[in-house]
Amino acid sequence: MVNLAYATTLLGLGLAPQIPGLGTAVSDGLVHAIASGAQALMLFWLLIVAVSPMPAVIFSGLGATLFGGTIEVLQMLQPSRYFQVSDLEANAVGSILVCIAISLTLVFNRHHRGRTR
């Protein structure tokens, strides 16, 4: 449910008319990377109950990147918005970084699970 609400919010913000002069204090690429990374993490939490961990990591990264790409394509239909390859790249980077962090956490937990102190 949280993932659906988050995705709906991203879609609404991504397709809302852009107001000239109104922006954020941080770079647009960083905002895209954080939003896509958060989407990947939420998708992982959703998928981990249905598939094994590594496919969940892969599918969550691909899903978040494709979702961001879909928003970029849909922005071409808005007169005040436009498609940017740099936004696609930032979405992919954010998703990939989160998926790497998830993978490292899984490996670390698997490695340390059998150890006793």
Protein backbone atom coordinates (compact mmCIF):
# COMPACT_ATOMS: atom_id res chain seq x y z
CA MET A 1 0.00 0.00 0.00
CA VAL A 2 2.85 2.38 0.83
CA ASN A 3 4.51 1.57 -2.47
CA LEU A 4 1.32 2.35 -4.39
CA ALA A 5 0.91 5.67 -2.57
CA TYR A 6 4.56 6.55 -3.23
CA ALA A 7 4.31 5.61 -6.91
CA THR A 8 1.13 7.66 -7.26
CA THR A 9 2.84 10.64 -5.63
CA LEU A 10 5.86 10.34 -7.95
CA LEU A 11 3.57 10.08 -10.96
CA GLY A 12 1.59 13.14 -9.86
CA LEU A 13 4.71 15.21 -9.23
CA GLY A 14 6.30 14.03 -12.46
CA LEU A 15 3.32 14.99 -14.58
CA ALA A 16 2.24 18.17 -12.80
CA PRO A 17 2.79 21.33 -14.83
CA GLN A 18 6.17 22.84 -14.11
CA ILE A 19 6.13 26.34 -12.68
CA PRO A 20 8.97 28.50 -14.06
CA GLY A 21 11.33 29.73 -11.36
CA LEU A 22 10.04 27.24 -8.79
CA GLY A 23 12.62 24.56 -8.14
CA THR A 24 14.45 22.70 -5.45
CA ALA A 25 17.60 23.70 -3.60
CA VAL A 26 19.31 20.45 -4.66
CA SER A 27 20.14 19.17 -8.12
CA ASP A 28 17.41 17.63 -10.23
CA GLY A 29 19.58 14.56 -10.79
CA LEU A 30 19.96 13.98 -7.07
CA VAL A 31 16.20 14.23 -6.57
CA HIS A 32 15.67 11.67 -9.35
CA ALA A 33 18.31 9.31 -7.92
CA ILE A 34 16.84 9.47 -4.40
CA ALA A 35 13.27 9.02 -5.64
CA SER A 36 14.19 6.05 -7.82
CA GLY A 37 16.35 4.50 -5.10
CA ALA A 38 13.49 4.76 -2.62
CA GLN A 39 11.17 3.20 -5.20
CA ALA A 40 13.62 0.30 -5.69
CA LEU A 41 13.80 -0.28 -1.94
CA MET A 42 10.03 -0.34 -1.58
CA LEU A 43 9.69 -2.67 -4.56
CA PHE A 44 12.27 -4.98 -2.97
CA TRP A 45 10.25 -5.11 0.26
CA LEU A 46 7.18 -5.94 -1.80
CA LEU A 47 8.88 -8.61 -3.94
CA ILE A 48 10.94 -10.38 -1.26
CA VAL A 49 7.83 -12.20 -0.01
CA ALA A 50 7.13 -13.61 -3.50
CA VAL A 51 10.54 -14.46 -4.95
CA SER A 52 14.01 -15.30 -3.67
CA PRO A 53 16.27 -12.40 -2.63
CA MET A 54 18.48 -11.90 -5.70
CA PRO A 55 15.64 -11.91 -8.26
CA ALA A 56 13.83 -9.48 -5.94
CA VAL A 57 16.87 -7.18 -6.05
CA ILE A 58 17.06 -7.36 -9.85
CA PHE A 59 13.33 -6.90 -10.43
CA SER A 60 13.11 -4.01 -7.98
CA GLY A 61 15.98 -2.18 -9.67
CA LEU A 62 14.55 -2.73 -13.12
CA GLY A 63 11.04 -1.84 -11.98
CA ALA A 64 12.11 1.43 -10.36
CA THR A 65 14.19 2.41 -13.40
CA LEU A 66 11.37 1.55 -15.82
CA PHE A 67 8.85 3.44 -13.68
CA GLY A 68 11.04 6.55 -13.79
CA GLY A 69 11.48 6.09 -17.54
CA THR A 70 7.73 5.81 -18.02
CA ILE A 71 7.23 9.10 -16.20
CA GLU A 72 9.88 10.71 -18.43
CA VAL A 73 8.08 9.47 -21.56
CA LEU A 74 4.72 10.66 -20.24
CA GLN A 75 6.23 14.10 -19.59
CA MET A 76 6.44 14.56 -23.37
CA LEU A 77 2.63 14.85 -23.32
CA GLN A 78 2.77 17.84 -20.95
CA PRO A 79 3.39 21.23 -22.56
CA SER A 80 5.51 22.54 -19.68
CA ARG A 81 7.54 19.30 -19.20
CA TYR A 82 10.07 17.55 -21.38
CA PHE A 83 11.96 14.28 -21.67
CA GLN A 84 15.54 14.32 -20.35
CA VAL A 85 18.07 11.54 -20.79
CA SER A 86 19.94 12.83 -17.73
CA ASP A 87 16.85 12.12 -15.62
CA LEU A 88 16.78 8.54 -16.94
CA GLU A 89 20.46 8.18 -16.04
CA ALA A 90 19.86 9.56 -12.54
CA ASN A 91 16.93 7.15 -12.05
CA ALA A 92 19.13 4.22 -13.08
CA VAL A 93 22.01 5.30 -10.84
CA GLY A 94 19.74 5.68 -7.80
CA SER A 95 18.15 2.29 -8.40
CA ILE A 96 21.50 0.58 -8.99
CA LEU A 97 23.09 2.05 -5.86
CA VAL A 98 20.20 0.91 -3.69
CA CYS A 99 20.26 -2.55 -5.28
CA ILE A 100 24.00 -2.81 -4.61
CA ALA A 101 23.41 -1.82 -0.98
CA ILE A 102 20.64 -4.42 -0.65
CA SER A 103 22.83 -7.10 -2.23
CA LEU A 104 25.75 -6.32 0.07
CA THR A 105 23.43 -6.45 3.07
CA LEU A 106 22.09 -9.84 1.97
CA VAL A 107 25.61 -11.22 1.48
CA PHE A 108 26.77 -9.82 4.82
CA ASN A 109 23.77 -11.29 6.65
CA ARG A 110 24.19 -14.67 4.97
CA HIS A 111 27.90 -14.72 5.82
CA HIS A 112 27.39 -13.76 9.46
CA ARG A 113 24.25 -15.82 10.06
CA GLY A 114 26.22 -18.98 10.84
CA ARG A 115 28.74 -17.32 13.13
CA THR A 116 28.40 -17.44 16.88
CA ARG A 117 30.13 -15.14 19.33
